[in-house]
């Protein structure tokens, strides 16, 4: 599993769990790269929004099962990036 180091100014901007996959892309369309982490241990995704000027905000999204990998692409051809999440197998 890759080791991810995020240098942040406070604990409120750190992803939960143990990030196993990291993706940098512009989630909110403001021209700044944001970060998305797949956190298998806490069974969620963390989105770290880049507000510019070394300011960040964190939002966690529960996944139910453990997310393991991330990818992005325009799957529906609407000119917006879509986030693809794989997860550990479930019963």
PDB file of N, CA and C in Angstrom:
ATOM      1  N   UNK A   1       0.850  -1.170   0.000  1.00  0.00           N
ATOM      2  CA  UNK A   1       0.000   0.000   0.000  1.00  0.00           C
ATOM      3  C   UNK A   1       0.899   1.238   0.000  1.00  0.00           C
ATOM      4  N   UNK A   2       0.583   2.234  -0.854  1.00  0.00           N
ATOM      5  CA  UNK A   2       1.427   3.423  -0.908  1.00  0.00           C
ATOM      6  C   UNK A   2       1.307   4.253   0.363  1.00  0.00           C
ATOM      7  N   UNK A   3       2.370   4.950   0.676  1.00  0.00           N
ATOM      8  CA  UNK A   3       2.363   5.861   1.819  1.00  0.00           C
ATOM      9  C   UNK A   3       2.071   7.255   1.286  1.00  0.00           C
ATOM     10  N   UNK A   4       1.107   7.930   1.894  1.00  0.00           N
ATOM     11  CA  UNK A   4       0.706   9.261   1.463  1.00  0.00           C
ATOM     12  C   UNK A   4       1.025  10.245   2.562  1.00  0.00           C
ATOM     13  N   UNK A   5       1.809  11.269   2.245  1.00  0.00           N
ATOM     14  CA  UNK A   5       2.109  12.330   3.189  1.00  0.00           C
ATOM     15  C   UNK A   5       1.435  13.601   2.712  1.00  0.00           C
ATOM     16  N   UNK A   6       0.577  14.142   3.532  1.00  0.00           N
ATOM     17  CA  UNK A   6      -0.061  15.410   3.227  1.00  0.00           C
ATOM     18  C   UNK A   6       0.396  16.411   4.270  1.00  0.00           C
ATOM     19  N   UNK A   7       0.971  17.497   3.828  1.00  0.00           N
ATOM     20  CA  UNK A   7       1.437  18.521   4.751  1.00  0.00           C
ATOM     21  C   UNK A   7       0.320  19.546   4.884  1.00  0.00           C
ATOM     22  N   UNK A   8      -0.297  19.559   6.045  1.00  0.00           N
ATOM     23  CA  UNK A   8      -1.418  20.471   6.287  1.00  0.00           C
ATOM     24  C   UNK A   8      -1.163  21.235   7.570  1.00  0.00           C
ATOM     25  N   UNK A   9      -1.849  22.353   7.704  1.00  0.00           N
ATOM     26  CA  UNK A   9      -1.592  23.224   8.850  1.00  0.00           C
ATOM     27  C   UNK A   9      -2.343  22.814  10.100  1.00  0.00           C
ATOM     28  N   UNK A  10      -3.411  22.040   9.970  1.00  0.00           N
ATOM     29  CA  UNK A  10      -4.167  21.639  11.155  1.00  0.00           C
ATOM     30  C   UNK A  10      -4.802  20.277  10.928  1.00  0.00           C
ATOM     31  N   UNK A  11      -5.205  19.619  12.008  1.00  0.00           N
ATOM     32  CA  UNK A  11      -5.748  18.276  11.903  1.00  0.00           C
ATOM     33  C   UNK A  11      -7.106  18.249  11.221  1.00  0.00           C
ATOM     34  N   UNK A  12      -7.809  19.375  11.123  1.00  0.00           N
ATOM     35  CA  UNK A  12      -9.109  19.410  10.464  1.00  0.00           C
ATOM     36  C   UNK A  12      -8.998  19.193   8.962  1.00  0.00           C
ATOM     37  N   UNK A  13      -7.797  19.297   8.396  1.00  0.00           N
ATOM     38  CA  UNK A  13      -7.602  19.114   6.958  1.00  0.00           C
ATOM     39  C   UNK A  13      -6.962  17.784   6.614  1.00  0.00           C
ATOM     40  N   UNK A  14      -6.848  16.887   7.563  1.00  0.00           N
ATOM     41  CA  UNK A  14      -6.235  15.589   7.310  1.00  0.00           C
ATOM     42  C   UNK A  14      -7.299  14.542   7.017  1.00  0.00           C
ATOM     43  N   UNK A  15      -7.046  13.669   6.034  1.00  0.00           N
ATOM     44  CA  UNK A  15      -8.013  12.629   5.738  1.00  0.00           C
ATOM     45  C   UNK A  15      -8.099  11.615   6.873  1.00  0.00           C
ATOM     46  N   UNK A  16      -9.264  11.009   6.999  1.00  0.00           N
ATOM     47  CA  UNK A  16      -9.469   9.985   8.013  1.00  0.00           C
ATOM     48  C   UNK A  16      -8.859   8.668   7.548  1.00  0.00           C
ATOM     49  N   UNK A  17      -8.752   7.719   8.453  1.00  0.00           N
ATOM     50  CA  UNK A  17      -8.290   6.389   8.090  1.00  0.00           C
ATOM     51  C   UNK A  17      -6.870   6.380   7.572  1.00  0.00           C
ATOM     52  N   UNK A  18      -6.586   5.383   6.774  1.00  0.00           N
ATOM     53  CA  UNK A  18      -5.268   5.223   6.171  1.00  0.00           C
ATOM     54  C   UNK A  18      -5.433   5.371   4.665  1.00  0.00           C
ATOM     55  N   UNK A  19      -5.138   6.541   4.096  1.00  0.00           N
ATOM     56  CA  UNK A  19      -5.323   6.713   2.652  1.00  0.00           C
ATOM     57  C   UNK A  19      -4.525   5.683   1.857  1.00  0.00           C
ATOM     58  N   UNK A  20      -5.218   4.972   0.974  1.00  0.00           N
ATOM     59  CA  UNK A  20      -4.571   3.956   0.164  1.00  0.00           C
ATOM     60  C   UNK A  20      -4.440   4.357  -1.288  1.00  0.00           C
ATOM     61  N   UNK A  21      -5.169   5.386  -1.688  1.00  0.00           N
ATOM     62  CA  UNK A  21      -5.112   5.883  -3.057  1.00  0.00           C
ATOM     63  C   UNK A  21      -5.300   7.384  -3.018  1.00  0.00           C
ATOM     64  N   UNK A  22      -4.559   8.094  -3.846  1.00  0.00           N
ATOM     65  CA  UNK A  22      -4.600   9.551  -3.871  1.00  0.00           C
ATOM     66  C   UNK A  22      -4.772  10.006  -5.312  1.00  0.00           C
ATOM     67  N   UNK A  23      -5.658  10.976  -5.513  1.00  0.00           N
ATOM     68  CA  UNK A  23      -5.901  11.526  -6.836  1.00  0.00           C
ATOM     69  C   UNK A  23      -5.936  13.042  -6.723  1.00  0.00           C
ATOM     70  N   UNK A  24      -5.209  13.727  -7.597  1.00  0.00           N
ATOM     71  CA  UNK A  24      -5.214  15.195  -7.635  1.00  0.00           C
ATOM     72  C   UNK A  24      -5.959  15.624  -8.890  1.00  0.00           C
ATOM     73  N   UNK A  25      -7.039  16.384  -8.712  1.00  0.00           N
ATOM     74  CA  UNK A  25      -7.818  16.898  -9.817  1.00  0.00           C
ATOM     75  C   UNK A  25      -8.650  18.080  -9.335  1.00  0.00           C
ATOM     76  N   UNK A  26      -9.202  18.826 -10.257  1.00  0.00           N
ATOM     77  CA  UNK A  26      -9.992  20.004  -9.909  1.00  0.00           C
ATOM     78  C   UNK A  26     -11.445  19.584  -9.706  1.00  0.00           C
ATOM     79  N   UNK A  27     -11.801  19.233  -8.481  1.00  0.00           N
ATOM     80  CA  UNK A  27     -13.152  18.757  -8.159  1.00  0.00           C
ATOM     81  C   UNK A  27     -14.185  19.873  -8.297  1.00  0.00           C
ATOM     82  N   UNK A  28     -13.876  21.062  -7.817  1.00  0.00           N
ATOM     83  CA  UNK A  28     -14.876  22.132  -7.729  1.00  0.00           C
ATOM     84  C   UNK A  28     -14.816  23.141  -8.881  1.00  0.00           C
ATOM     85  N   UNK A  29     -13.967  22.897  -9.871  1.00  0.00           N
ATOM     86  CA  UNK A  29     -13.937  23.727 -11.066  1.00  0.00           C
ATOM     87  C   UNK A  29     -13.372  25.121 -10.887  1.00  0.00           C
ATOM     88  N   UNK A  30     -12.556  25.328  -9.833  1.00  0.00           N
ATOM     89  CA  UNK A  30     -12.010  26.669  -9.594  1.00  0.00           C
ATOM     90  C   UNK A  30     -10.607  26.854 -10.166  1.00  0.00           C
ATOM     91  N   UNK A  31     -10.085  25.833 -10.849  1.00  0.00           N
ATOM     92  CA  UNK A  31      -8.759  25.935 -11.447  1.00  0.00           C
ATOM     93  C   UNK A  31      -7.631  25.465 -10.550  1.00  0.00           C
ATOM     94  N   UNK A  32      -7.914  25.167  -9.279  1.00  0.00           N
ATOM     95  CA  UNK A  32      -6.908  24.656  -8.343  1.00  0.00           C
ATOM     96  C   UNK A  32      -7.069  23.144  -8.207  1.00  0.00           C
ATOM     97  N   UNK A  33      -5.940  22.425  -8.106  1.00  0.00           N
ATOM     98  CA  UNK A  33      -6.008  20.987  -7.888  1.00  0.00           C
ATOM     99  C   UNK A  33      -6.454  20.697  -6.462  1.00  0.00           C
ATOM    100  N   UNK A  34      -7.475  19.875  -6.332  1.00  0.00           N
ATOM    101  CA  UNK A  34      -7.946  19.363  -5.053  1.00  0.00           C
ATOM    102  C   UNK A  34      -7.431  17.934  -4.926  1.00  0.00           C
ATOM    103  N   UNK A  35      -7.516  17.380  -3.739  1.00  0.00           N
ATOM    104  CA  UNK A  35      -7.061  16.008  -3.503  1.00  0.00           C
ATOM    105  C   UNK A  35      -8.224  15.138  -3.059  1.00  0.00           C
ATOM    106  N   UNK A  36      -8.242  13.902  -3.550  1.00  0.00           N
ATOM    107  CA  UNK A  36      -9.213  12.914  -3.105  1.00  0.00           C
ATOM    108  C   UNK A  36      -8.424  11.714  -2.621  1.00  0.00           C
ATOM    109  N   UNK A  37      -8.768  11.197  -1.449  1.00  0.00           N
ATOM    110  CA  UNK A  37      -8.127   9.988  -0.946  1.00  0.00           C
ATOM    111  C   UNK A  37      -9.183   8.920  -0.693  1.00  0.00           C
ATOM    112  N   UNK A  38      -8.837   7.673  -0.988  1.00  0.00           N
ATOM    113  CA  UNK A  38      -9.666   6.520  -0.659  1.00  0.00           C
ATOM    114  C   UNK A  38      -9.128   5.949   0.644  1.00  0.00           C
ATOM    115  N   UNK A  39      -9.961   5.934   1.669  1.00  0.00           N
ATOM    116  CA  UNK A  39      -9.533   5.529   3.015  1.00  0.00           C
ATOM    117  C   UNK A  39     -10.216   4.223   3.404  1.00  0.00           C
ATOM    118  N   UNK A  40      -9.528   3.115   3.175  1.00  0.00           N
ATOM    119  CA  UNK A  40     -10.124   1.805   3.430  1.00  0.00           C
ATOM    120  C   UNK A  40     -10.431   1.587   4.904  1.00  0.00           C
ATOM    121  N   UNK A  41      -9.533   1.997   5.782  1.00  0.00           N
ATOM    122  CA  UNK A  41      -9.714   1.736   7.218  1.00  0.00           C
ATOM    123  C   UNK A  41     -10.949   2.440   7.783  1.00  0.00           C
ATOM    124  N   UNK A  42     -11.228   3.647   7.322  1.00  0.00           N
ATOM    125  CA  UNK A  42     -12.385   4.392   7.825  1.00  0.00           C
ATOM    126  C   UNK A  42     -13.587   4.290   6.887  1.00  0.00           C
ATOM    127  N   UNK A  43     -13.440   3.539   5.793  1.00  0.00           N
ATOM    128  CA  UNK A  43     -14.517   3.288   4.836  1.00  0.00           C
ATOM    129  C   UNK A  43     -15.138   4.567   4.288  1.00  0.00           C
ATOM    130  N   UNK A  44     -14.273   5.507   3.891  1.00  0.00           N
ATOM    131  CA  UNK A  44     -14.778   6.745   3.323  1.00  0.00           C
ATOM    132  C   UNK A  44     -13.805   7.328   2.304  1.00  0.00           C
ATOM    133  N   UNK A  45     -14.271   8.353   1.624  1.00  0.00           N
ATOM    134  CA  UNK A  45     -13.440   9.157   0.744  1.00  0.00           C
ATOM    135  C   UNK A  45     -13.247  10.499   1.411  1.00  0.00           C
ATOM    136  N   UNK A  46     -12.053  11.052   1.313  1.00  0.00           N
ATOM    137  CA  UNK A  46     -11.797  12.410   1.786  1.00  0.00           C
ATOM    138  C   UNK A  46     -11.527  13.283   0.578  1.00  0.00           C
ATOM    139  N   UNK A  47     -12.209  14.417   0.506  1.00  0.00           N
ATOM    140  CA  UNK A  47     -11.941  15.414  -0.517  1.00  0.00           C
ATOM    141  C   UNK A  47     -11.350  16.621   0.193  1.00  0.00           C
ATOM    142  N   UNK A  48     -10.139  16.968  -0.191  1.00  0.00           N
ATOM    143  CA  UNK A  48      -9.455  18.126   0.383  1.00  0.00           C
ATOM    144  C   UNK A  48      -9.491  19.212  -0.679  1.00  0.00           C
ATOM    145  N   UNK A  49     -10.382  20.166  -0.467  1.00  0.00           N
ATOM    146  CA  UNK A  49     -10.567  21.256  -1.422  1.00  0.00           C
ATOM    147  C   UNK A  49      -9.467  22.293  -1.247  1.00  0.00           C
ATOM    148  N   UNK A  50      -8.856  22.700  -2.345  1.00  0.00           N
ATOM    149  CA  UNK A  50      -7.800  23.701  -2.355  1.00  0.00           C
ATOM    150  C   UNK A  50      -8.460  25.058  -2.608  1.00  0.00           C
ATOM    151  N   UNK A  51      -8.470  25.910  -1.594  1.00  0.00           N
ATOM    152  CA  UNK A  51      -9.073  27.237  -1.726  1.00  0.00           C
ATOM    153  C   UNK A  51      -8.055  28.277  -2.188  1.00  0.00           C
ATOM    154  N   UNK A  52      -6.818  27.850  -2.465  1.00  0.00           N
ATOM    155  CA  UNK A  52      -5.758  28.770  -2.873  1.00  0.00           C
ATOM    156  C   UNK A  52      -5.111  29.413  -1.660  1.00  0.00           C
ATOM    157  N   UNK A  53      -3.937  29.953  -1.845  1.00  0.00           N
ATOM    158  CA  UNK A  53      -3.237  30.620  -0.743  1.00  0.00           C
ATOM    159  C   UNK A  53      -2.928  29.705   0.429  1.00  0.00           C
ATOM    160  N   UNK A  54      -2.675  28.425   0.151  1.00  0.00           N
ATOM    161  CA  UNK A  54      -2.367  27.424   1.200  1.00  0.00           C
ATOM    162  C   UNK A  54      -3.540  27.231   2.165  1.00  0.00           C
ATOM    163  N   UNK A  55      -4.770  27.437   1.688  1.00  0.00           N
ATOM    164  CA  UNK A  55      -5.966  27.186   2.500  1.00  0.00           C
ATOM    165  C   UNK A  55      -6.695  25.981   1.934  1.00  0.00           C
ATOM    166  N   UNK A  56      -7.093  25.075   2.830  1.00  0.00           N
ATOM    167  CA  UNK A  56      -7.746  23.840   2.434  1.00  0.00           C
ATOM    168  C   UNK A  56      -8.943  23.575   3.336  1.00  0.00           C
ATOM    169  N   UNK A  57      -9.919  22.844   2.803  1.00  0.00           N
ATOM    170  CA  UNK A  57     -11.028  22.376   3.631  1.00  0.00           C
ATOM    171  C   UNK A  57     -11.276  20.913   3.298  1.00  0.00           C
ATOM    172  N   UNK A  58     -11.752  20.178   4.272  1.00  0.00           N
ATOM    173  CA  UNK A  58     -11.904  18.737   4.158  1.00  0.00           C
ATOM    174  C   UNK A  58     -13.366  18.344   4.267  1.00  0.00           C
ATOM    175  N   UNK A  59     -13.793  17.430   3.396  1.00  0.00           N
ATOM    176  CA  UNK A  59     -15.116  16.819   3.493  1.00  0.00           C
ATOM    177  C   UNK A  59     -14.934  15.322   3.324  1.00  0.00           C
ATOM    178  N   UNK A  60     -15.526  14.531   4.223  1.00  0.00           N
ATOM    179  CA  UNK A  60     -15.483  13.068   4.133  1.00  0.00           C
ATOM    180  C   UNK A  60     -16.828  12.552   3.645  1.00  0.00           C
ATOM    181  N   UNK A  61     -16.779  11.530   2.797  1.00  0.00           N
ATOM    182  CA  UNK A  61     -17.980  10.905   2.264  1.00  0.00           C
ATOM    183  C   UNK A  61     -17.949   9.420   2.608  1.00  0.00           C
ATOM    184  N   UNK A  62     -18.901   8.950   3.406  1.00  0.00           N
ATOM    185  CA  UNK A  62     -18.978   7.542   3.784  1.00  0.00           C
ATOM    186  C   UNK A  62     -19.249   6.673   2.573  1.00  0.00           C
ATOM    187  N   UNK A  63     -18.633   5.483   2.543  1.00  0.00           N
ATOM    188  CA  UNK A  63     -18.762   4.593   1.394  1.00  0.00           C
ATOM    189  C   UNK A  63     -19.447   3.268   1.721  1.00  0.00           C
ATOM    190  N   UNK A  64     -19.634   2.932   2.983  1.00  0.00           N
ATOM    191  CA  UNK A  64     -20.196   1.625   3.322  1.00  0.00           C
ATOM    192  C   UNK A  64     -19.128   0.552   3.318  1.00  0.00           C
ATOM    193  N   UNK A  65     -18.578   0.246   2.151  1.00  0.00           N
ATOM    194  CA  UNK A  65     -17.467  -0.701   2.036  1.00  0.00           C
ATOM    195  C   UNK A  65     -16.167   0.080   1.896  1.00  0.00           C
ATOM    196  N   UNK A  66     -15.069  -0.613   2.063  1.00  0.00           N
ATOM    197  CA  UNK A  66     -13.753   0.027   2.044  1.00  0.00           C
ATOM    198  C   UNK A  66     -13.332   0.398   0.622  1.00  0.00           C
ATOM    199  N   UNK A  67     -13.204   1.709   0.300  1.00  0.00           N
ATOM    200  CA  UNK A  67     -12.700   2.097  -1.022  1.00  0.00           C
ATOM    201  C   UNK A  67     -11.200   1.830  -1.109  1.00  0.00           C
ATOM    202  N   UNK A  68     -10.758   1.350  -2.265  1.00  0.00           N
ATOM    203  CA  UNK A  68      -9.345   0.981  -2.392  1.00  0.00           C
ATOM    204  C   UNK A  68      -8.595   1.754  -3.473  1.00  0.00           C
ATOM    205  N   UNK A  69      -9.266   2.131  -4.564  1.00  0.00           N
ATOM    206  CA  UNK A  69      -8.593   2.797  -5.675  1.00  0.00           C
ATOM    207  C   UNK A  69      -9.475   3.890  -6.255  1.00  0.00           C
ATOM    208  N   UNK A  70      -8.815   4.879  -6.879  1.00  0.00           N
ATOM    209  CA  UNK A  70      -9.509   6.011  -7.483  1.00  0.00           C
ATOM    210  C   UNK A  70      -9.037   6.229  -8.911  1.00  0.00           C
ATOM    211  N   UNK A  71      -9.933   6.722  -9.735  1.00  0.00           N
ATOM    212  CA  UNK A  71      -9.604   7.160 -11.090  1.00  0.00           C
ATOM    213  C   UNK A  71     -10.615   8.239 -11.462  1.00  0.00           C
ATOM    214  N   UNK A  72     -10.322   8.990 -12.494  1.00  0.00           N
ATOM    215  CA  UNK A  72     -11.255  10.021 -12.952  1.00  0.00           C
ATOM    216  C   UNK A  72     -11.244  10.066 -14.466  1.00  0.00           C
ATOM    217  N   UNK A  73     -12.395  10.395 -15.034  1.00  0.00           N
ATOM    218  CA  UNK A  73     -12.525  10.543 -16.472  1.00  0.00           C
ATOM    219  C   UNK A  73     -13.916  11.052 -16.795  1.00  0.00           C
ATOM    220  N   UNK A  74     -14.125  11.476 -18.005  1.00  0.00           N
ATOM    221  CA  UNK A  74     -15.428  11.967 -18.436  1.00  0.00           C
ATOM    222  C   UNK A  74     -16.213  10.791 -19.012  1.00  0.00           C
ATOM    223  N   UNK A  75     -16.837  10.009 -18.160  1.00  0.00           N
ATOM    224  CA  UNK A  75     -17.509   8.784 -18.588  1.00  0.00           C
ATOM    225  C   UNK A  75     -18.788   9.042 -19.381  1.00  0.00           C
ATOM    226  N   UNK A  76     -19.503  10.115 -19.067  1.00  0.00           N
ATOM    227  CA  UNK A  76     -20.775  10.375 -19.738  1.00  0.00           C
ATOM    228  C   UNK A  76     -20.688  11.489 -20.784  1.00  0.00           C
ATOM    229  N   UNK A  77     -19.485  11.894 -21.113  1.00  0.00           N
ATOM    230  CA  UNK A  77     -19.218  12.869 -22.180  1.00  0.00           C
ATOM    231  C   UNK A  77     -19.970  14.186 -21.997  1.00  0.00           C
ATOM    232  N   UNK A  78     -20.003  14.691 -20.736  1.00  0.00           N
ATOM    233  CA  UNK A  78     -20.659  15.971 -20.468  1.00  0.00           C
ATOM    234  C   UNK A  78     -19.654  17.077 -20.164  1.00  0.00           C
ATOM    235  N   UNK A  79     -18.374  16.814 -20.398  1.00  0.00           N
ATOM    236  CA  UNK A  79     -17.269  17.755 -20.171  1.00  0.00           C
ATOM    237  C   UNK A  79     -16.956  17.964 -18.690  1.00  0.00           C
ATOM    238  N   UNK A  80     -17.539  17.159 -17.805  1.00  0.00           N
ATOM    239  CA  UNK A  80     -17.211  17.185 -16.381  1.00  0.00           C
ATOM    240  C   UNK A  80     -16.504  15.881 -16.023  1.00  0.00           C
ATOM    241  N   UNK A  81     -15.488  15.978 -15.146  1.00  0.00           N
ATOM    242  CA  UNK A  81     -14.819  14.767 -14.687  1.00  0.00           C
ATOM    243  C   UNK A  81     -15.740  13.968 -13.777  1.00  0.00           C
ATOM    244  N   UNK A  82     -15.733  12.670 -13.951  1.00  0.00           N
ATOM    245  CA  UNK A  82     -16.469  11.744 -13.091  1.00  0.00           C
ATOM    246  C   UNK A  82     -15.447  10.991 -12.258  1.00  0.00           C
ATOM    247  N   UNK A  83     -15.761  10.732 -11.002  1.00  0.00           N
ATOM    248  CA  UNK A  83     -14.871  10.012 -10.094  1.00  0.00           C
ATOM    249  C   UNK A  83     -15.256   8.550 -10.073  1.00  0.00           C
ATOM    250  N   UNK A  84     -14.280   7.686 -10.287  1.00  0.00           N
ATOM    251  CA  UNK A  84     -14.488   6.241 -10.278  1.00  0.00           C
ATOM    252  C   UNK A  84     -13.821   5.693  -9.036  1.00  0.00           C
ATOM    253  N   UNK A  85     -14.564   4.920  -8.246  1.00  0.00           N
ATOM    254  CA  UNK A  85     -14.060   4.374  -6.988  1.00  0.00           C
ATOM    255  C   UNK A  85     -14.220   2.870  -7.020  1.00  0.00           C
ATOM    256  N   UNK A  86     -13.131   2.145  -6.754  1.00  0.00           N
ATOM    257  CA  UNK A  86     -13.253   0.698  -6.571  1.00  0.00           C
ATOM    258  C   UNK A  86     -13.211   0.435  -5.078  1.00  0.00           C
ATOM    259  N   UNK A  87     -13.819  -0.665  -4.681  1.00  0.00           N
ATOM    260  CA  UNK A  87     -13.861  -0.984  -3.260  1.00  0.00           C
ATOM    261  C   UNK A  87     -13.539  -2.442  -3.056  1.00  0.00           C
ATOM    262  N   UNK A  88     -13.245  -2.781  -1.809  1.00  0.00           N
ATOM    263  CA  UNK A  88     -12.976  -4.171  -1.473  1.00  0.00           C
ATOM    264  C   UNK A  88     -14.232  -4.985  -1.759  1.00  0.00           C
ATOM    265  N   UNK A  89     -14.059  -6.234  -2.113  1.00  0.00           N
ATOM    266  CA  UNK A  89     -15.228  -7.066  -2.446  1.00  0.00           C
ATOM    267  C   UNK A  89     -16.154  -7.172  -1.245  1.00  0.00           C
ATOM    268  N   UNK A  90     -17.420  -7.269  -1.550  1.00  0.00           N
ATOM    269  CA  UNK A  90     -18.417  -7.391  -0.478  1.00  0.00           C
ATOM    270  C   UNK A  90     -19.180  -8.696  -0.655  1.00  0.00           C
ATOM    271  N   UNK A  91     -19.911  -9.049   0.368  1.00  0.00           N
ATOM    272  CA  UNK A  91     -20.672 -10.318   0.341  1.00  0.00           C
ATOM    273  C   UNK A  91     -21.939 -10.173  -0.450  1.00  0.00           C
TER     274      UNK A  91
END
